[in-house]
PDB file of N, CA and C in Angstrom:
ATOM      1  N   MET A   1      30.418  24.788  -5.603  1.00  0.00           N
ATOM      2  CA  MET A   1      29.559  24.244  -4.719  1.00  0.00           C
ATOM      3  C   MET A   1      28.427  23.273  -5.159  1.00  0.00           C
ATOM      4  N   ARG A   2      28.184  23.613  -6.492  1.00  0.00           N
ATOM      5  CA  ARG A   2      27.388  22.460  -7.155  1.00  0.00           C
ATOM      6  C   ARG A   2      28.102  21.120  -7.182  1.00  0.00           C
ATOM      7  N   HIS A   3      29.419  21.325  -7.669  1.00  0.00           N
ATOM      8  CA  HIS A   3      29.832  19.956  -7.612  1.00  0.00           C
ATOM      9  C   HIS A   3      29.979  19.251  -6.531  1.00  0.00           C
ATOM     10  N   LEU A   4      30.258  19.907  -5.168  1.00  0.00           N
ATOM     11  CA  LEU A   4      30.547  19.292  -4.034  1.00  0.00           C
ATOM     12  C   LEU A   4      29.148  18.580  -3.776  1.00  0.00           C
ATOM     13  N   GLY A   5      27.974  19.220  -3.901  1.00  0.00           N
ATOM     14  CA  GLY A   5      26.875  18.327  -3.761  1.00  0.00           C
ATOM     15  C   GLY A   5      26.601  17.221  -4.526  1.00  0.00           C
ATOM     16  N   LEU A   6      26.922  17.216  -5.788  1.00  0.00           N
ATOM     17  CA  LEU A   6      27.019  16.148  -6.817  1.00  0.00           C
ATOM     18  C   LEU A   6      28.019  15.068  -6.282  1.00  0.00           C
ATOM     19  N   LEU A   7      28.928  15.364  -5.735  1.00  0.00           N
ATOM     20  CA  LEU A   7      30.219  14.500  -5.396  1.00  0.00           C
ATOM     21  C   LEU A   7      29.306  13.809  -3.957  1.00  0.00           C
ATOM     22  N   VAL A   8      28.775  14.409  -3.199  1.00  0.00           N
ATOM     23  CA  VAL A   8      28.152  14.066  -1.992  1.00  0.00           C
ATOM     24  C   VAL A   8      27.008  13.159  -2.562  1.00  0.00           C
ATOM     25  N   LEU A   9      26.337  13.375  -3.336  1.00  0.00           N
ATOM     26  CA  LEU A   9      25.220  12.390  -4.043  1.00  0.00           C
ATOM     27  C   LEU A   9      25.752  11.086  -4.402  1.00  0.00           C
ATOM     28  N   LEU A  10      26.574  11.344  -5.304  1.00  0.00           N
ATOM     29  CA  LEU A  10      27.382  10.163  -5.724  1.00  0.00           C
ATOM     30  C   LEU A  10      27.987   9.381  -4.913  1.00  0.00           C
ATOM     31  N   ALA A  11      28.562   9.904  -3.795  1.00  0.00           N
ATOM     32  CA  ALA A  11      29.373   9.117  -2.794  1.00  0.00           C
ATOM     33  C   ALA A  11      28.205   8.408  -1.901  1.00  0.00           C
ATOM     34  N   SER A  12      27.192   8.953  -1.586  1.00  0.00           N
ATOM     35  CA  SER A  12      25.975   8.315  -1.026  1.00  0.00           C
ATOM     36  C   SER A  12      25.466   6.969  -1.632  1.00  0.00           C
ATOM     37  N   ALA A  13      25.256   7.352  -2.914  1.00  0.00           N
ATOM     38  CA  ALA A  13      24.628   6.271  -3.693  1.00  0.00           C
ATOM     39  C   ALA A  13      25.476   5.145  -3.850  1.00  0.00           C
ATOM     40  N   SER A  14      26.798   5.408  -3.925  1.00  0.00           N
ATOM     41  CA  SER A  14      27.730   4.276  -4.064  1.00  0.00           C
ATOM     42  C   SER A  14      27.827   3.537  -2.678  1.00  0.00           C
ATOM     43  N   PHE A  15      27.887   4.229  -1.568  1.00  0.00           N
ATOM     44  CA  PHE A  15      28.041   3.601  -0.206  1.00  0.00           C
ATOM     45  C   PHE A  15      26.659   2.745  -0.029  1.00  0.00           C
ATOM     46  N   ALA A  16      25.629   3.304  -0.406  1.00  0.00           N
ATOM     47  CA  ALA A  16      24.051   2.510  -0.268  1.00  0.00           C
ATOM     48  C   ALA A  16      24.131   1.277  -1.036  1.00  0.00           C
ATOM     49  N   ALA A  17      24.590   1.391  -2.368  1.00  0.00           N
ATOM     50  CA  ALA A  17      24.803   0.170  -3.128  1.00  0.00           C
ATOM     51  C   ALA A  17      25.633  -0.747  -2.653  1.00  0.00           C
ATOM     52  N   ARG A  18      26.744  -0.620  -1.881  1.00  0.00           N
ATOM     53  CA  ARG A  18      27.419  -1.407  -1.370  1.00  0.00           C
ATOM     54  C   ARG A  18      27.088  -1.963   0.048  1.00  0.00           C
ATOM     55  N   SER A  19      26.263  -1.440   0.624  1.00  0.00           N
ATOM     56  CA  SER A  19      25.765  -1.792   1.971  1.00  0.00           C
ATOM     57  C   SER A  19      24.614  -2.582   1.807  1.00  0.00           C
ATOM     58  N   VAL A  20      23.896  -2.968   0.654  1.00  0.00           N
ATOM     59  CA  VAL A  20      22.932  -3.856   0.391  1.00  0.00           C
ATOM     60  C   VAL A  20      23.687  -5.161   0.272  1.00  0.00           C
ATOM     61  N   PRO A  21      23.647  -6.329   0.899  1.00  0.00           N
ATOM     62  CA  PRO A  21      24.315  -7.518   0.676  1.00  0.00           C
ATOM     63  C   PRO A  21      23.712  -8.130  -0.681  1.00  0.00           C
ATOM     64  N   ALA A  22      24.651  -8.854  -1.399  1.00  0.00           N
ATOM     65  CA  ALA A  22      24.238  -9.452  -2.505  1.00  0.00           C
ATOM     66  C   ALA A  22      23.957 -10.907  -2.307  1.00  0.00           C
ATOM     67  N   ALA A  23      22.890 -11.314  -2.854  1.00  0.00           N
ATOM     68  CA  ALA A  23      22.595 -12.817  -2.526  1.00  0.00           C
ATOM     69  C   ALA A  23      23.375 -13.666  -3.435  1.00  0.00           C
ATOM     70  N   ASP A  24      23.453 -14.870  -2.595  1.00  0.00           N
ATOM     71  CA  ASP A  24      24.280 -15.883  -3.402  1.00  0.00           C
ATOM     72  C   ASP A  24      23.516 -16.289  -4.792  1.00  0.00           C
ATOM     73  N   ALA A  25      24.170 -17.169  -5.584  1.00  0.00           N
ATOM     74  CA  ALA A  25      23.552 -17.536  -6.982  1.00  0.00           C
ATOM     75  C   ALA A  25      22.102 -18.020  -6.966  1.00  0.00           C
ATOM     76  N   PRO A  26      22.095 -19.127  -6.205  1.00  0.00           N
ATOM     77  CA  PRO A  26      20.812 -19.846  -6.180  1.00  0.00           C
ATOM     78  C   PRO A  26      19.684 -18.927  -5.603  1.00  0.00           C
ATOM     79  N   VAL A  27      20.035 -17.942  -4.830  1.00  0.00           N
ATOM     80  CA  VAL A  27      19.062 -17.037  -4.074  1.00  0.00           C
ATOM     81  C   VAL A  27      18.895 -16.014  -5.136  1.00  0.00           C
ATOM     82  N   ALA A  28      19.619 -15.584  -5.827  1.00  0.00           N
ATOM     83  CA  ALA A  28      19.481 -14.582  -6.924  1.00  0.00           C
ATOM     84  C   ALA A  28      18.841 -15.405  -8.141  1.00  0.00           C
ATOM     85  N   ALA A  29      18.855 -16.565  -8.352  1.00  0.00           N
ATOM     86  CA  ALA A  29      18.024 -17.117  -9.405  1.00  0.00           C
ATOM     87  C   ALA A  29      16.601 -17.193  -8.722  1.00  0.00           C
ATOM     88  N   ALA A  30      16.539 -17.668  -7.789  1.00  0.00           N
ATOM     89  CA  ALA A  30      15.168 -17.816  -7.096  1.00  0.00           C
ATOM     90  C   ALA A  30      14.363 -16.564  -7.324  1.00  0.00           C
ATOM     91  N   ILE A  31      15.227 -15.225  -6.946  1.00  0.00           N
ATOM     92  CA  ILE A  31      14.319 -14.320  -6.827  1.00  0.00           C
ATOM     93  C   ILE A  31      13.914 -13.620  -8.400  1.00  0.00           C
ATOM     94  N   ALA A  32      14.878 -13.924  -9.210  1.00  0.00           N
ATOM     95  CA  ALA A  32      14.720 -13.675 -10.615  1.00  0.00           C
ATOM     96  C   ALA A  32      13.496 -14.426 -11.079  1.00  0.00           C
ATOM     97  N   THR A  33      13.172 -15.860 -10.457  1.00  0.00           N
ATOM     98  CA  THR A  33      12.311 -16.370 -11.205  1.00  0.00           C
ATOM     99  C   THR A  33      10.944 -15.787 -10.408  1.00  0.00           C
ATOM    100  N   LEU A  34      11.137 -15.469  -9.314  1.00  0.00           N
ATOM    101  CA  LEU A  34       9.651 -14.698  -8.410  1.00  0.00           C
ATOM    102  C   LEU A  34       9.335 -13.401  -9.159  1.00  0.00           C
ATOM    103  N   LYS A  35      10.539 -12.661  -9.844  1.00  0.00           N
ATOM    104  CA  LYS A  35      10.068 -11.220 -10.382  1.00  0.00           C
ATOM    105  C   LYS A  35       9.487 -11.875 -11.809  1.00  0.00           C
ATOM    106  N   GLY A  36       9.866 -12.976 -12.433  1.00  0.00           N
ATOM    107  CA  GLY A  36       9.106 -13.527 -13.643  1.00  0.00           C
ATOM    108  C   GLY A  36       7.891 -13.908 -13.525  1.00  0.00           C
ATOM    109  N   VAL A  37       7.436 -14.365 -12.387  1.00  0.00           N
ATOM    110  CA  VAL A  37       5.893 -14.824 -11.856  1.00  0.00           C
ATOM    111  C   VAL A  37       5.164 -13.646 -11.866  1.00  0.00           C
ATOM    112  N   ALA A  38       5.740 -12.442 -11.276  1.00  0.00           N
ATOM    113  CA  ALA A  38       4.879 -11.101 -11.264  1.00  0.00           C
ATOM    114  C   ALA A  38       4.885 -10.607 -12.420  1.00  0.00           C
ATOM    115  N   ARG A  39       5.709 -10.668 -13.471  1.00  0.00           N
ATOM    116  CA  ARG A  39       5.320 -10.367 -14.768  1.00  0.00           C
ATOM    117  C   ARG A  39       4.374 -10.835 -15.642  1.00  0.00           C
ATOM    118  N   ASP A  40       4.365 -12.326 -15.559  1.00  0.00           N
ATOM    119  CA  ASP A  40       3.374 -13.138 -16.166  1.00  0.00           C
ATOM    120  C   ASP A  40       1.967 -13.499 -15.603  1.00  0.00           C
ATOM    121  N   PRO A  41       1.167 -12.704 -16.344  1.00  0.00           N
ATOM    122  CA  PRO A  41      -0.451 -12.751 -15.670  1.00  0.00           C
ATOM    123  C   PRO A  41      -0.921 -14.266 -15.159  1.00  0.00           C
ATOM    124  N   ALA A  42      -0.770 -15.006 -16.037  1.00  0.00           N
ATOM    125  CA  ALA A  42      -1.154 -16.567 -15.754  1.00  0.00           C
ATOM    126  C   ALA A  42      -0.526 -17.216 -14.352  1.00  0.00           C
ATOM    127  N   LYS A  43       0.807 -16.741 -14.430  1.00  0.00           N
ATOM    128  CA  LYS A  43       1.466 -17.507 -13.349  1.00  0.00           C
ATOM    129  C   LYS A  43       1.058 -16.593 -12.131  1.00  0.00           C
ATOM    130  N   LEU A  44       1.139 -15.478 -12.274  1.00  0.00           N
ATOM    131  CA  LEU A  44       0.542 -14.464 -11.172  1.00  0.00           C
ATOM    132  C   LEU A  44      -0.574 -14.975 -10.585  1.00  0.00           C
ATOM    133  N   ALA A  45      -1.618 -15.090 -11.333  1.00  0.00           N
ATOM    134  CA  ALA A  45      -2.916 -15.786 -10.966  1.00  0.00           C
ATOM    135  C   ALA A  45      -2.724 -16.906 -10.336  1.00  0.00           C
ATOM    136  N   ALA A  46      -1.984 -17.725 -10.791  1.00  0.00           N
ATOM    137  CA  ALA A  46      -1.926 -19.278 -10.153  1.00  0.00           C
ATOM    138  C   ALA A  46      -1.033 -19.170  -8.772  1.00  0.00           C
ATOM    139  N   PHE A  47      -0.371 -18.225  -8.520  1.00  0.00           N
ATOM    140  CA  PHE A  47       0.584 -18.071  -7.229  1.00  0.00           C
ATOM    141  C   PHE A  47      -0.206 -17.219  -6.468  1.00  0.00           C
ATOM    142  N   CYS A  48      -1.084 -16.443  -6.674  1.00  0.00           N
ATOM    143  CA  CYS A  48      -2.153 -15.831  -5.972  1.00  0.00           C
ATOM    144  C   CYS A  48      -3.113 -16.606  -5.374  1.00  0.00           C
ATOM    145  N   GLU A  49      -3.898 -17.502  -6.445  1.00  0.00           N
ATOM    146  CA  GLU A  49      -4.525 -18.404  -5.687  1.00  0.00           C
ATOM    147  C   GLU A  49      -3.997 -19.511  -4.850  1.00  0.00           C
ATOM    148  N   MET A  50      -2.718 -20.035  -5.053  1.00  0.00           N
ATOM    149  CA  MET A  50      -2.050 -20.970  -4.367  1.00  0.00           C
ATOM    150  C   MET A  50      -1.765 -20.259  -2.841  1.00  0.00           C
ATOM    151  N   SER A  51      -1.387 -19.080  -2.820  1.00  0.00           N
ATOM    152  CA  SER A  51      -1.042 -18.251  -1.701  1.00  0.00           C
ATOM    153  C   SER A  51      -2.340 -18.150  -0.888  1.00  0.00           C
ATOM    154  N   HIS A  52      -3.349 -17.788  -1.425  1.00  0.00           N
ATOM    155  CA  HIS A  52      -4.662 -17.676  -0.700  1.00  0.00           C
ATOM    156  C   HIS A  52      -5.014 -18.949  -0.123  1.00  0.00           C
ATOM    157  N   LEU A  53      -4.989 -19.988  -0.752  1.00  0.00           N
ATOM    158  CA  LEU A  53      -5.186 -21.249  -0.386  1.00  0.00           C
ATOM    159  C   LEU A  53      -4.612 -21.843   0.791  1.00  0.00           C
ATOM    160  N   MET A  54      -3.026 -21.560   0.838  1.00  0.00           N
ATOM    161  CA  MET A  54      -2.109 -22.032   1.698  1.00  0.00           C
ATOM    162  C   MET A  54      -2.274 -21.111   2.960  1.00  0.00           C
ATOM    163  N   SER A  55      -2.744 -19.934   2.666  1.00  0.00           N
ATOM    164  CA  SER A  55      -2.632 -18.714   4.007  1.00  0.00           C
ATOM    165  C   SER A  55      -4.265 -18.854   4.566  1.00  0.00           C
ATOM    166  N   ALA A  56      -5.358 -19.630   4.061  1.00  0.00           N
ATOM    167  CA  ALA A  56      -6.572 -19.463   4.366  1.00  0.00           C
ATOM    168  C   ALA A  56      -6.745 -20.391   5.954  1.00  0.00           C
ATOM    169  N   ASP A  57      -7.832 -19.946   6.488  1.00  0.00           N
ATOM    170  CA  ASP A  57      -8.040 -20.643   7.787  1.00  0.00           C
ATOM    171  C   ASP A  57      -8.710 -22.156   7.274  1.00  0.00           C
ATOM    172  N   PRO A  58      -7.987 -23.276   7.688  1.00  0.00           N
ATOM    173  CA  PRO A  58      -8.362 -24.587   7.317  1.00  0.00           C
ATOM    174  C   PRO A  58      -9.906 -24.559   7.505  1.00  0.00           C
ATOM    175  N   ASP A  59     -10.753 -24.183   8.267  1.00  0.00           N
ATOM    176  CA  ASP A  59     -12.063 -24.179   8.502  1.00  0.00           C
ATOM    177  C   ASP A  59     -13.084 -23.279   7.442  1.00  0.00           C
ATOM    178  N   ASP A  60     -12.149 -22.502   6.836  1.00  0.00           N
ATOM    179  CA  ASP A  60     -12.964 -21.816   5.552  1.00  0.00           C
ATOM    180  C   ASP A  60     -12.723 -22.710   4.299  1.00  0.00           C
ATOM    181  N   LEU A  61     -12.181 -23.849   4.237  1.00  0.00           N
ATOM    182  CA  LEU A  61     -11.659 -24.439   3.040  1.00  0.00           C
ATOM    183  C   LEU A  61     -12.451 -25.715   2.929  1.00  0.00           C
ATOM    184  N   PRO A  62     -12.706 -26.066   1.863  1.00  0.00           N
ATOM    185  CA  PRO A  62     -13.497 -27.547   1.716  1.00  0.00           C
ATOM    186  C   PRO A  62     -12.957 -28.729   2.366  1.00  0.00           C
ATOM    187  N   LYS A  63     -13.625 -29.420   2.659  1.00  0.00           N
ATOM    188  CA  LYS A  63     -12.982 -30.647   3.379  1.00  0.00           C
ATOM    189  C   LYS A  63     -12.549 -31.951   2.675  1.00  0.00           C
ATOM    190  N   ASP A  64     -12.386 -31.547   1.350  1.00  0.00           N
ATOM    191  CA  ASP A  64     -11.911 -32.632   0.442  1.00  0.00           C
ATOM    192  C   ASP A  64     -10.608 -32.389  -0.148  1.00  0.00           C
ATOM    193  N   ASP A  65     -10.277 -33.269  -0.841  1.00  0.00           N
ATOM    194  CA  ASP A  65      -8.657 -33.084  -1.599  1.00  0.00           C
ATOM    195  C   ASP A  65      -8.849 -32.214  -2.391  1.00  0.00           C
ATOM    196  N   ASP A  66      -9.860 -31.434  -2.860  1.00  0.00           N
ATOM    197  CA  ASP A  66      -9.764 -30.456  -4.218  1.00  0.00           C
ATOM    198  C   ASP A  66      -8.772 -29.280  -3.710  1.00  0.00           C
ATOM    199  N   VAL A  67      -8.595 -28.616  -2.473  1.00  0.00           N
ATOM    200  CA  VAL A  67      -7.760 -27.783  -2.121  1.00  0.00           C
ATOM    201  C   VAL A  67      -6.399 -28.226  -2.610  1.00  0.00           C
ATOM    202  N   TYR A  68      -6.089 -29.492  -2.347  1.00  0.00           N
ATOM    203  CA  TYR A  68      -4.518 -29.916  -2.532  1.00  0.00           C
ATOM    204  C   TYR A  68      -4.345 -29.883  -3.949  1.00  0.00           C
ATOM    205  N   LYS A  69      -5.455 -30.374  -4.569  1.00  0.00           N
ATOM    206  CA  LYS A  69      -5.451 -30.662  -5.943  1.00  0.00           C
ATOM    207  C   LYS A  69      -5.088 -29.291  -6.737  1.00  0.00           C
ATOM    208  N   ARG A  70      -5.700 -28.351  -6.311  1.00  0.00           N
ATOM    209  CA  ARG A  70      -5.840 -26.832  -6.602  1.00  0.00           C
ATOM    210  C   ARG A  70      -4.391 -26.444  -6.627  1.00  0.00           C
ATOM    211  N   ILE A  71      -3.741 -26.643  -5.431  1.00  0.00           N
ATOM    212  CA  ILE A  71      -2.528 -26.011  -4.898  1.00  0.00           C
ATOM    213  C   ILE A  71      -1.377 -26.706  -5.988  1.00  0.00           C
ATOM    214  N   ASP A  72      -1.479 -28.278  -6.130  1.00  0.00           N
ATOM    215  CA  ASP A  72      -0.631 -28.874  -7.045  1.00  0.00           C
ATOM    216  C   ASP A  72      -0.602 -28.430  -8.564  1.00  0.00           C
ATOM    217  N   ALA A  73      -2.117 -28.260  -8.980  1.00  0.00           N
ATOM    218  CA  ALA A  73      -2.144 -27.467 -10.407  1.00  0.00           C
ATOM    219  C   ALA A  73      -1.751 -26.173 -10.484  1.00  0.00           C
ATOM    220  N   ASP A  74      -1.791 -25.244  -9.218  1.00  0.00           N
ATOM    221  CA  ASP A  74      -1.032 -24.148  -9.433  1.00  0.00           C
ATOM    222  C   ASP A  74       0.456 -24.082  -9.518  1.00  0.00           C
ATOM    223  N   MET A  75       1.102 -25.190  -8.767  1.00  0.00           N
ATOM    224  CA  MET A  75       2.439 -25.411  -8.655  1.00  0.00           C
ATOM    225  C   MET A  75       2.927 -25.725 -10.285  1.00  0.00           C
ATOM    226  N   ARG A  76       2.029 -26.552 -10.774  1.00  0.00           N
ATOM    227  CA  ARG A  76       2.602 -27.197 -12.094  1.00  0.00           C
ATOM    228  C   ARG A  76       2.568 -25.780 -13.157  1.00  0.00           C
ATOM    229  N   THR A  77       1.513 -24.928 -12.970  1.00  0.00           N
ATOM    230  CA  THR A  77       1.226 -23.773 -13.609  1.00  0.00           C
ATOM    231  C   THR A  77       2.456 -22.817 -13.627  1.00  0.00           C
ATOM    232  N   LEU A  78       2.889 -22.713 -12.365  1.00  0.00           N
ATOM    233  CA  LEU A  78       4.223 -21.865 -12.063  1.00  0.00           C
ATOM    234  C   LEU A  78       5.289 -22.627 -12.591  1.00  0.00           C
ATOM    235  N   GLY A  79       5.527 -23.678 -12.578  1.00  0.00           N
ATOM    236  CA  GLY A  79       6.688 -24.551 -13.377  1.00  0.00           C
ATOM    237  C   GLY A  79       7.706 -24.821 -12.326  1.00  0.00           C
ATOM    238  N   PRO A  80       8.760 -25.430 -13.077  1.00  0.00           N
ATOM    239  CA  PRO A  80       9.584 -26.056 -12.248  1.00  0.00           C
ATOM    240  C   PRO A  80      10.742 -25.105 -11.826  1.00  0.00           C
ATOM    241  N   ALA A  81      10.929 -24.148 -12.530  1.00  0.00           N
ATOM    242  CA  ALA A  81      11.803 -23.082 -11.943  1.00  0.00           C
ATOM    243  C   ALA A  81      11.249 -22.327 -10.545  1.00  0.00           C
ATOM    244  N   PHE A  82       9.731 -22.157 -10.574  1.00  0.00           N
ATOM    245  CA  PHE A  82       9.152 -21.603  -9.470  1.00  0.00           C
ATOM    246  C   PHE A  82       9.193 -22.448  -8.366  1.00  0.00           C
ATOM    247  N   GLN A  83       9.196 -23.946  -8.543  1.00  0.00           N
ATOM    248  CA  GLN A  83       9.383 -25.009  -7.477  1.00  0.00           C
ATOM    249  C   GLN A  83      10.655 -24.956  -6.815  1.00  0.00           C
ATOM    250  N   ASP A  84      11.584 -24.628  -7.578  1.00  0.00           N
ATOM    251  CA  ASP A  84      13.138 -24.591  -7.205  1.00  0.00           C
ATOM    252  C   ASP A  84      13.119 -23.661  -6.417  1.00  0.00           C
ATOM    253  N   ALA A  85      12.678 -22.451  -6.875  1.00  0.00           N
ATOM    254  CA  ALA A  85      12.796 -21.136  -6.004  1.00  0.00           C
ATOM    255  C   ALA A  85      11.931 -21.228  -4.614  1.00  0.00           C
ATOM    256  N   TRP A  86      10.744 -21.848  -4.786  1.00  0.00           N
ATOM    257  CA  TRP A  86      10.018 -22.129  -3.422  1.00  0.00           C
ATOM    258  C   TRP A  86      11.059 -23.010  -2.268  1.00  0.00           C
ATOM    259  N   ASN A  87      11.432 -23.986  -2.922  1.00  0.00           N
ATOM    260  CA  ASN A  87      12.356 -24.987  -2.083  1.00  0.00           C
ATOM    261  C   ASN A  87      13.659 -24.173  -1.639  1.00  0.00           C
ATOM    262  N   ILE A  88      14.055 -23.434  -2.553  1.00  0.00           N
ATOM    263  CA  ILE A  88      15.408 -22.732  -1.980  1.00  0.00           C
ATOM    264  C   ILE A  88      14.900 -22.019  -0.768  1.00  0.00           C
ATOM    265  N   GLY A  89      13.883 -20.995  -0.919  1.00  0.00           N
ATOM    266  CA  GLY A  89      13.156 -20.322   0.362  1.00  0.00           C
ATOM    267  C   GLY A  89      13.070 -21.110   1.487  1.00  0.00           C
ATOM    268  N   ALA A  90      12.510 -22.321   1.498  1.00  0.00           N
ATOM    269  CA  ALA A  90      12.320 -23.038   2.471  1.00  0.00           C
ATOM    270  C   ALA A  90      13.615 -23.665   3.168  1.00  0.00           C
ATOM    271  N   GLU A  91      14.662 -23.704   2.513  1.00  0.00           N
ATOM    272  CA  GLU A  91      15.706 -24.319   3.061  1.00  0.00           C
ATOM    273  C   GLU A  91      16.802 -23.104   3.565  1.00  0.00           C
ATOM    274  N   LEU A  92      16.473 -21.816   3.439  1.00  0.00           N
ATOM    275  CA  LEU A  92      17.375 -20.860   3.882  1.00  0.00           C
ATOM    276  C   LEU A  92      17.361 -20.657   5.553  1.00  0.00           C
ATOM    277  N   GLU A  93      18.515 -20.470   6.110  1.00  0.00           N
ATOM    278  CA  GLU A  93      18.486 -20.594   7.580  1.00  0.00           C
ATOM    279  C   GLU A  93      17.913 -18.937   7.898  1.00  0.00           C
ATOM    280  N   PRO A  94      17.093 -19.030   8.701  1.00  0.00           N
ATOM    281  CA  PRO A  94      16.446 -17.913   9.326  1.00  0.00           C
ATOM    282  C   PRO A  94      17.273 -16.616   9.848  1.00  0.00           C
ATOM    283  N   GLU A  95      16.872 -15.760   9.606  1.00  0.00           N
ATOM    284  CA  GLU A  95      17.727 -14.445   9.834  1.00  0.00           C
ATOM    285  C   GLU A  95      18.968 -14.089   9.242  1.00  0.00           C
ATOM    286  N   THR A  96      19.223 -14.768   7.946  1.00  0.00           N
ATOM    287  CA  THR A  96      20.488 -14.708   7.133  1.00  0.00           C
ATOM    288  C   THR A  96      20.230 -13.457   6.285  1.00  0.00           C
ATOM    289  N   PRO A  97      21.287 -13.043   5.659  1.00  0.00           N
ATOM    290  CA  PRO A  97      20.906 -12.050   4.533  1.00  0.00           C
ATOM    291  C   PRO A  97      20.115 -12.676   3.501  1.00  0.00           C
ATOM    292  N   ASP A  98      20.260 -13.658   3.026  1.00  0.00           N
ATOM    293  CA  ASP A  98      20.062 -14.300   1.939  1.00  0.00           C
ATOM    294  C   ASP A  98      18.491 -14.457   2.326  1.00  0.00           C
ATOM    295  N   GLN A  99      18.021 -15.092   3.434  1.00  0.00           N
ATOM    296  CA  GLN A  99      16.763 -15.196   3.874  1.00  0.00           C
ATOM    297  C   GLN A  99      16.035 -13.883   3.905  1.00  0.00           C
ATOM    298  N   LYS A 100      16.517 -12.951   4.250  1.00  0.00           N
ATOM    299  CA  LYS A 100      16.001 -11.518   4.437  1.00  0.00           C
ATOM    300  C   LYS A 100      15.647 -11.247   3.087  1.00  0.00           C
ATOM    301  N   ILE A 101      16.732 -11.389   1.906  1.00  0.00           N
ATOM    302  CA  ILE A 101      16.511 -10.916   0.659  1.00  0.00           C
ATOM    303  C   ILE A 101      15.385 -11.488  -0.081  1.00  0.00           C
ATOM    304  N   TYR A 102      15.281 -12.874   0.303  1.00  0.00           N
ATOM    305  CA  TYR A 102      14.257 -13.739  -0.315  1.00  0.00           C
ATOM    306  C   TYR A 102      13.060 -13.460   0.012  1.00  0.00           C
ATOM    307  N   GLU A 103      12.930 -13.133   1.376  1.00  0.00           N
ATOM    308  CA  GLU A 103      11.427 -12.665   2.181  1.00  0.00           C
ATOM    309  C   GLU A 103      11.150 -11.569   1.397  1.00  0.00           C
ATOM    310  N   ALA A 104      11.884 -10.592   1.309  1.00  0.00           N
ATOM    311  CA  ALA A 104      11.499  -9.346   0.488  1.00  0.00           C
ATOM    312  C   ALA A 104      11.028  -9.489  -0.742  1.00  0.00           C
ATOM    313  N   ALA A 105      11.630 -10.298  -1.432  1.00  0.00           N
ATOM    314  CA  ALA A 105      11.208 -10.596  -2.957  1.00  0.00           C
ATOM    315  C   ALA A 105       9.925 -11.492  -2.722  1.00  0.00           C
ATOM    316  N   MET A 106       9.585 -12.238  -1.940  1.00  0.00           N
ATOM    317  CA  MET A 106       8.333 -12.962  -1.830  1.00  0.00           C
ATOM    318  C   MET A 106       7.297 -11.877  -1.366  1.00  0.00           C
ATOM    319  N   GLY A 107       7.544 -11.189  -0.477  1.00  0.00           N
ATOM    320  CA  GLY A 107       6.760 -10.188  -0.019  1.00  0.00           C
ATOM    321  C   GLY A 107       6.009  -9.215  -1.309  1.00  0.00           C
ATOM    322  N   GLU A 108       6.940  -8.898  -2.163  1.00  0.00           N
ATOM    323  CA  GLU A 108       6.723  -8.044  -3.092  1.00  0.00           C
ATOM    324  C   GLU A 108       5.768  -8.916  -4.038  1.00  0.00           C
ATOM    325  N   LEU A 109       6.140 -10.153  -4.244  1.00  0.00           N
ATOM    326  CA  LEU A 109       5.259 -10.880  -5.026  1.00  0.00           C
ATOM    327  C   LEU A 109       3.961 -11.041  -4.436  1.00  0.00           C
ATOM    328  N   GLU A 110       3.756 -11.284  -3.102  1.00  0.00           N
ATOM    329  CA  GLU A 110       2.466 -11.613  -2.696  1.00  0.00           C
ATOM    330  C   GLU A 110       1.812 -10.128  -2.748  1.00  0.00           C
ATOM    331  N   ALA A 111       2.479  -9.056  -2.619  1.00  0.00           N
ATOM    332  CA  ALA A 111       1.801  -7.630  -2.598  1.00  0.00           C
ATOM    333  C   ALA A 111       0.994  -7.447  -4.027  1.00  0.00           C
ATOM    334  N   ARG A 112       1.777  -8.222  -5.035  1.00  0.00           N
ATOM    335  CA  ARG A 112       0.876  -8.021  -6.436  1.00  0.00           C
ATOM    336  C   ARG A 112      -0.384  -8.859  -6.495  1.00  0.00           C
ATOM    337  N   CYS A 113      -0.556  -9.531  -5.410  1.00  0.00           N
ATOM    338  CA  CYS A 113      -1.969 -10.450  -5.553  1.00  0.00           C
ATOM    339  C   CYS A 113      -3.128  -9.284  -5.050  1.00  0.00           C
ATOM    340  N   GLY A 114      -2.719  -8.430  -4.295  1.00  0.00           N
ATOM    341  CA  GLY A 114      -3.769  -7.440  -3.778  1.00  0.00           C
ATOM    342  C   GLY A 114      -4.033  -6.530  -4.813  1.00  0.00           C
ATOM    343  N   GLU A 115      -3.461  -6.248  -5.909  1.00  0.00           N
ATOM    344  CA  GLU A 115      -3.593  -5.254  -7.119  1.00  0.00           C
ATOM    345  C   GLU A 115      -4.915  -5.597  -7.809  1.00  0.00           C
TER     346      GLU A 115
END
C-alpha cells in the first residue's frame, strides 16, 4: 500500500511538471536575467528605485528631468541583459503563456522590493 501512495505522488508530480508550459528561449533568458537581478543587491536596489519611480503618481515626483535621469541611471546599472529582458516583456502578446510566465517572474522580482 505504501508503494501505491508513492506511485500516486510521483505520477501527480510528473503531471504537474508537464502541465506548466515552458517559455520559449528569449523569454526563458529574460526570466533568468530577472532572477539574477533578484540575487544581486546593487541591481535589486536599482530595480526597486526604478520601479518606484515608474509607478509613482506623477504629482508626487519632482517636475524636472531628474526622475528620467535616475531611471536611465538605474537602467544602466541593471545592464544590457536586463534592458533586453525588459524589452522582451514589452513585446509579448497579452494573455499568452509566455506573457503570463514573464509577468509572474516580474511579479516575484517586484515583491523583493518590499523586503
